[in-house]
């Protein structure tokens, strides 16, 4: 049995779940996802979002522990050599763990559209609109992470150069900040499941440097995804990309 500690919010837990289950799949052994996360999950559990998610079977006792390289959060192929009855701890923020199993991973994270998301998708047709995910709230307290107006403007210009008639919609957890930055662009803000469903069903998408954004972009094919270069180090490019292996060839980095 391979198990994992769930830490962080939805996007972080998705990486943790996927790595745990993909290891079990490759080793042909059971996996188990605890129904209660660590205190840092802030009361959010992945099962609350993906209702049909299989949490596996508890059929053994933990004897070993594998810790992610917290400093670099880089891909470690040795993770696939761990023993049965191992507990995983870390963030595992890289699609390299899913190579050759991308469609399998995508099949695990199925989310039902809410009434609100259906209404938004109908009002703001994904064929005509590029959705922008703007994360404010907690990110505003981390100037290292918060993306400035210039990033979004560059990204919109990039989309316009490809599709001149494109319109934009901001999906956000911070209406006030979004209106302050872009008073002329419509903004919507709903619960986590609704906002994720809206972003997931886009064709043109500008994301922020959060795992919530990353998964909404990666799970379902898009015409264009624009992403911040250097990810969490966007505002400190001299430090390079971090996490170092979260980068994917399917995104455009500006």
Protein backbone atom coordinates (compact mmCIF):
# COMPACT_ATOMS: atom_id res chain seq x y z
CA UNK A 1 0.00 0.00 0.00
CA UNK A 2 1.22 3.47 -0.95
CA UNK A 3 -0.31 6.36 0.96
CA UNK A 4 0.24 10.12 1.12
CA UNK A 5 -0.23 13.04 3.47
CA UNK A 6 -2.55 15.61 1.94
CA UNK A 7 -1.22 19.14 2.42
CA UNK A 8 -2.34 22.48 1.08
CA UNK A 9 -5.46 23.26 -0.87
CA UNK A 10 -7.09 21.70 -3.92
CA UNK A 11 -4.29 21.99 -6.51
CA UNK A 12 -1.60 20.76 -4.15
CA UNK A 13 -3.72 17.80 -3.13
CA UNK A 14 -4.29 16.89 -6.78
CA UNK A 15 -0.55 16.50 -7.31
CA UNK A 16 -0.24 14.47 -4.12
CA UNK A 17 -3.15 12.22 -5.04
CA UNK A 18 -1.93 11.69 -8.60
CA UNK A 19 1.61 10.77 -7.58
CA UNK A 20 0.41 8.34 -4.93
CA UNK A 21 -1.98 6.61 -7.28
CA UNK A 22 0.37 6.52 -10.27
CA UNK A 23 3.06 4.82 -8.18
CA UNK A 24 0.56 2.24 -6.98
CA UNK A 25 -0.59 1.73 -10.58
CA UNK A 26 2.95 1.15 -11.84
CA UNK A 27 3.84 -1.19 -8.96
CA UNK A 28 0.48 -2.98 -9.09
CA UNK A 29 -0.20 -2.48 -5.39
CA UNK A 30 -2.95 -0.76 -3.43
CA UNK A 31 -3.07 2.93 -2.57
CA UNK A 32 -4.84 4.78 0.19
CA UNK A 33 -5.75 8.46 0.39
CA UNK A 34 -6.70 9.57 3.91
CA UNK A 35 -10.16 11.08 4.21
CA UNK A 36 -8.81 13.86 6.44
CA UNK A 37 -5.93 16.06 5.37
CA UNK A 38 -3.21 17.66 7.43
CA UNK A 39 -4.07 20.90 9.31
CA UNK A 40 -2.56 22.87 6.42
CA UNK A 41 -5.38 21.67 4.14
CA UNK A 42 -7.48 24.45 5.71
CA UNK A 43 -10.52 22.20 5.91
CA UNK A 44 -10.56 21.44 2.18
CA UNK A 45 -10.37 17.84 0.98
CA UNK A 46 -9.96 16.74 -2.62
CA UNK A 47 -12.99 14.46 -2.30
CA UNK A 48 -15.17 17.53 -1.68
CA UNK A 49 -14.39 18.67 -5.23
CA UNK A 50 -14.19 15.40 -7.18
CA UNK A 51 -17.15 13.49 -5.78
CA UNK A 52 -16.42 10.16 -7.48
CA UNK A 53 -12.72 10.11 -6.63
CA UNK A 54 -11.51 6.70 -5.43
CA UNK A 55 -9.58 6.97 -2.16
CA UNK A 56 -8.29 3.40 -2.34
CA UNK A 57 -8.03 0.79 0.40
CA UNK A 58 -6.24 0.86 3.75
CA UNK A 59 -4.70 -2.61 3.82
CA UNK A 60 -1.36 -2.28 5.58
CA UNK A 61 0.76 -0.37 8.07
CA UNK A 62 3.18 2.38 7.13
CA UNK A 63 6.75 1.19 7.55
CA UNK A 64 8.64 3.68 5.39
CA UNK A 65 8.47 7.37 4.51
CA UNK A 66 9.48 9.16 1.33
CA UNK A 67 10.01 12.93 1.52
CA UNK A 68 9.85 15.14 -1.54
CA UNK A 69 12.83 17.41 -2.14
CA UNK A 70 11.15 20.41 -0.54
CA UNK A 71 13.86 22.89 -1.55
CA UNK A 72 13.75 22.22 -5.29
CA UNK A 73 10.51 20.21 -5.64
CA UNK A 74 12.15 18.59 -8.65
CA UNK A 75 11.30 15.34 -10.36
CA UNK A 76 12.87 12.27 -8.75
CA UNK A 77 12.60 9.05 -10.80
CA UNK A 78 13.70 7.08 -7.72
CA UNK A 79 10.24 7.57 -6.27
CA UNK A 80 9.11 4.63 -8.37
CA UNK A 81 11.56 2.39 -6.49
CA UNK A 82 9.97 2.91 -3.07
CA UNK A 83 8.81 -0.10 -1.08
CA UNK A 84 5.28 -1.20 -0.33
CA UNK A 85 3.78 0.35 2.82
CA UNK A 86 5.39 3.74 2.20
CA UNK A 87 3.98 7.13 3.18
CA UNK A 88 4.65 9.98 0.75
CA UNK A 89 5.14 13.51 2.01
CA UNK A 90 5.66 16.55 -0.16
CA UNK A 91 4.19 18.53 -3.04
CA UNK A 92 5.35 16.61 -6.16
CA UNK A 93 4.51 19.50 -8.48
CA UNK A 94 5.57 18.16 -11.85
CA UNK A 95 3.81 16.38 -14.73
CA UNK A 96 6.97 14.35 -15.27
CA UNK A 97 5.55 11.82 -12.83
CA UNK A 98 2.68 11.23 -15.27
CA UNK A 99 4.68 10.68 -18.47
CA UNK A 100 2.90 8.08 -20.64
CA UNK A 101 -0.01 8.10 -18.17
CA UNK A 102 -1.47 11.54 -18.78
CA UNK A 103 -4.87 10.33 -19.95
CA UNK A 104 -5.16 7.97 -16.99
CA UNK A 105 -4.50 10.81 -14.55
CA UNK A 106 -6.98 13.05 -16.34
CA UNK A 107 -9.63 10.34 -16.05
CA UNK A 108 -9.42 10.46 -12.25
CA UNK A 109 -10.29 14.14 -11.90
CA UNK A 110 -13.83 14.41 -13.27
CA UNK A 111 -15.86 17.37 -12.10
CA UNK A 112 -19.54 17.99 -12.73
CA UNK A 113 -20.36 21.52 -13.95
CA UNK A 114 -22.48 23.53 -11.54
CA UNK A 115 -25.55 25.46 -12.58
CA UNK A 116 -23.57 28.67 -12.16
CA UNK A 117 -20.67 27.47 -14.32
CA UNK A 118 -23.07 26.39 -17.07
CA UNK A 119 -24.65 29.85 -17.01
CA UNK A 120 -21.26 31.57 -17.24
CA UNK A 121 -20.10 29.33 -20.09
CA UNK A 122 -23.32 30.11 -21.95
CA UNK A 123 -23.07 33.86 -21.36
CA UNK A 124 -19.34 34.08 -22.09
CA UNK A 125 -18.94 31.64 -24.96
CA UNK A 126 -15.52 29.89 -24.75
CA UNK A 127 -15.24 30.22 -28.54
CA UNK A 128 -15.37 34.00 -28.19
CA UNK A 129 -13.78 34.65 -24.80
CA UNK A 130 -10.39 34.10 -23.26
CA UNK A 131 -10.76 33.45 -19.55
CA UNK A 132 -8.23 34.98 -17.18
CA UNK A 133 -7.62 33.49 -13.78
CA UNK A 134 -6.62 36.25 -11.38
CA UNK A 135 -5.74 35.19 -7.85
CA UNK A 136 -5.69 37.96 -5.28
CA UNK A 137 -6.60 37.39 -1.59
CA UNK A 138 -3.67 35.44 -0.07
CA UNK A 139 -1.33 36.15 -3.01
CA UNK A 140 -1.50 39.88 -2.33
CA UNK A 141 0.27 39.17 0.95
CA UNK A 142 3.14 37.57 -0.98
CA UNK A 143 4.60 40.17 -3.32
CA UNK A 144 6.98 37.43 -4.46
CA UNK A 145 4.01 35.56 -5.97
CA UNK A 146 1.44 38.18 -6.88
CA UNK A 147 1.32 38.84 -10.63
CA UNK A 148 1.37 42.46 -11.73
CA UNK A 149 -0.87 44.08 -14.30
CA UNK A 150 1.91 43.92 -16.88
CA UNK A 151 1.76 40.10 -16.95
CA UNK A 152 -1.94 40.06 -17.78
CA UNK A 153 -1.60 42.81 -20.38
CA UNK A 154 1.26 40.98 -22.12
CA UNK A 155 -0.76 37.78 -22.08
CA UNK A 156 -3.86 39.45 -23.51
CA UNK A 157 -1.78 41.01 -26.28
CA UNK A 158 -0.37 37.58 -27.09
CA UNK A 159 -3.87 36.13 -27.41
CA UNK A 160 -5.07 39.10 -29.48
CA UNK A 161 -2.23 38.62 -31.95
CA UNK A 162 -3.55 35.12 -32.63
CA UNK A 163 -7.28 35.87 -32.36
CA UNK A 164 -7.90 39.60 -32.91
CA UNK A 165 -11.62 39.43 -32.16
CA UNK A 166 -11.16 37.78 -28.75
CA UNK A 167 -12.92 39.11 -25.67
CA UNK A 168 -11.91 38.57 -22.06
CA UNK A 169 -13.48 37.45 -18.81
CA UNK A 170 -11.74 37.42 -15.43
CA UNK A 171 -12.42 34.51 -13.09
CA UNK A 172 -11.19 35.47 -9.66
CA UNK A 173 -11.25 35.02 -5.91
CA UNK A 174 -10.83 38.78 -5.53
CA UNK A 175 -13.38 40.95 -7.34
CA UNK A 176 -12.12 44.18 -5.78
CA UNK A 177 -8.53 43.65 -6.90
CA UNK A 178 -9.63 42.54 -10.37
CA UNK A 179 -11.82 45.62 -10.82
CA UNK A 180 -9.01 47.84 -9.62
CA UNK A 181 -6.61 46.40 -12.19
CA UNK A 182 -9.09 45.99 -15.07
CA UNK A 183 -12.23 48.09 -14.57
CA UNK A 184 -13.40 47.50 -18.15
CA UNK A 185 -13.30 43.69 -18.10
CA UNK A 186 -16.16 41.63 -16.68
CA UNK A 187 -15.30 39.64 -13.56
CA UNK A 188 -16.96 36.61 -11.99
CA UNK A 189 -16.30 34.95 -8.66
CA UNK A 190 -18.03 31.87 -7.32
CA UNK A 191 -17.23 28.87 -5.18
CA UNK A 192 -14.11 26.81 -5.91
CA UNK A 193 -15.90 24.09 -7.91
CA UNK A 194 -17.71 26.60 -10.12
CA UNK A 195 -14.62 28.66 -10.87
CA UNK A 196 -12.57 25.55 -11.60
CA UNK A 197 -15.24 24.25 -13.96
CA UNK A 198 -15.32 27.56 -15.85
CA UNK A 199 -11.54 27.61 -16.31
CA UNK A 200 -11.46 23.92 -17.19
CA UNK A 201 -13.90 24.40 -20.05
CA UNK A 202 -12.09 27.31 -21.67
CA UNK A 203 -10.42 27.23 -25.06
CA UNK A 204 -8.20 30.26 -24.47
CA UNK A 205 -6.81 30.66 -20.97
CA UNK A 206 -4.45 32.96 -19.11
CA UNK A 207 -3.45 31.40 -15.81
CA UNK A 208 -1.85 32.55 -12.62
CA UNK A 209 1.01 30.83 -10.81
CA UNK A 210 -1.13 28.53 -8.68
CA UNK A 211 -1.69 24.79 -8.82
CA UNK A 212 -5.45 25.44 -9.03
CA UNK A 213 -4.79 27.31 -12.28
CA UNK A 214 -2.29 24.73 -13.50
CA UNK A 215 -4.69 21.82 -13.21
CA UNK A 216 -7.57 23.71 -14.83
CA UNK A 217 -5.25 24.35 -17.79
CA UNK A 218 -3.66 20.89 -17.96
CA UNK A 219 -6.64 18.57 -17.46
CA UNK A 220 -8.46 19.50 -20.65
CA UNK A 221 -6.91 20.43 -23.99
CA UNK A 222 -6.90 24.12 -24.83
CA UNK A 223 -6.14 26.09 -27.97
CA UNK A 224 -3.84 28.39 -26.00
CA UNK A 225 -2.67 28.53 -22.38
CA UNK A 226 -0.51 31.46 -21.31
CA UNK A 227 1.38 31.05 -18.05
CA UNK A 228 3.75 33.21 -16.00
CA UNK A 229 7.41 32.50 -16.68
CA UNK A 230 9.44 31.27 -13.71
CA UNK A 231 6.13 30.46 -11.99
CA UNK A 232 6.40 31.36 -8.27
CA UNK A 233 9.59 33.27 -9.08
CA UNK A 234 7.88 35.45 -11.69
CA UNK A 235 8.82 38.58 -9.75
CA UNK A 236 12.36 37.31 -9.11
CA UNK A 237 13.45 35.88 -12.47
CA UNK A 238 17.06 35.76 -11.36
CA UNK A 239 16.08 32.80 -9.15
CA UNK A 240 14.80 30.76 -12.11
CA UNK A 241 11.77 28.53 -12.49
CA UNK A 242 10.22 27.24 -9.25
CA UNK A 243 9.05 24.60 -8.72
CA UNK A 244 11.69 23.67 -11.26
CA UNK A 245 9.78 20.87 -13.01
CA UNK A 246 6.21 22.17 -13.01
CA UNK A 247 6.87 23.62 -16.46
CA UNK A 248 5.07 21.88 -19.31
CA UNK A 249 5.52 22.19 -23.07
CA UNK A 250 1.79 22.69 -23.60
CA UNK A 251 1.82 26.19 -22.03
CA UNK A 252 3.20 29.46 -23.39
CA UNK A 253 5.37 31.26 -20.82
CA UNK A 254 5.53 35.06 -20.71
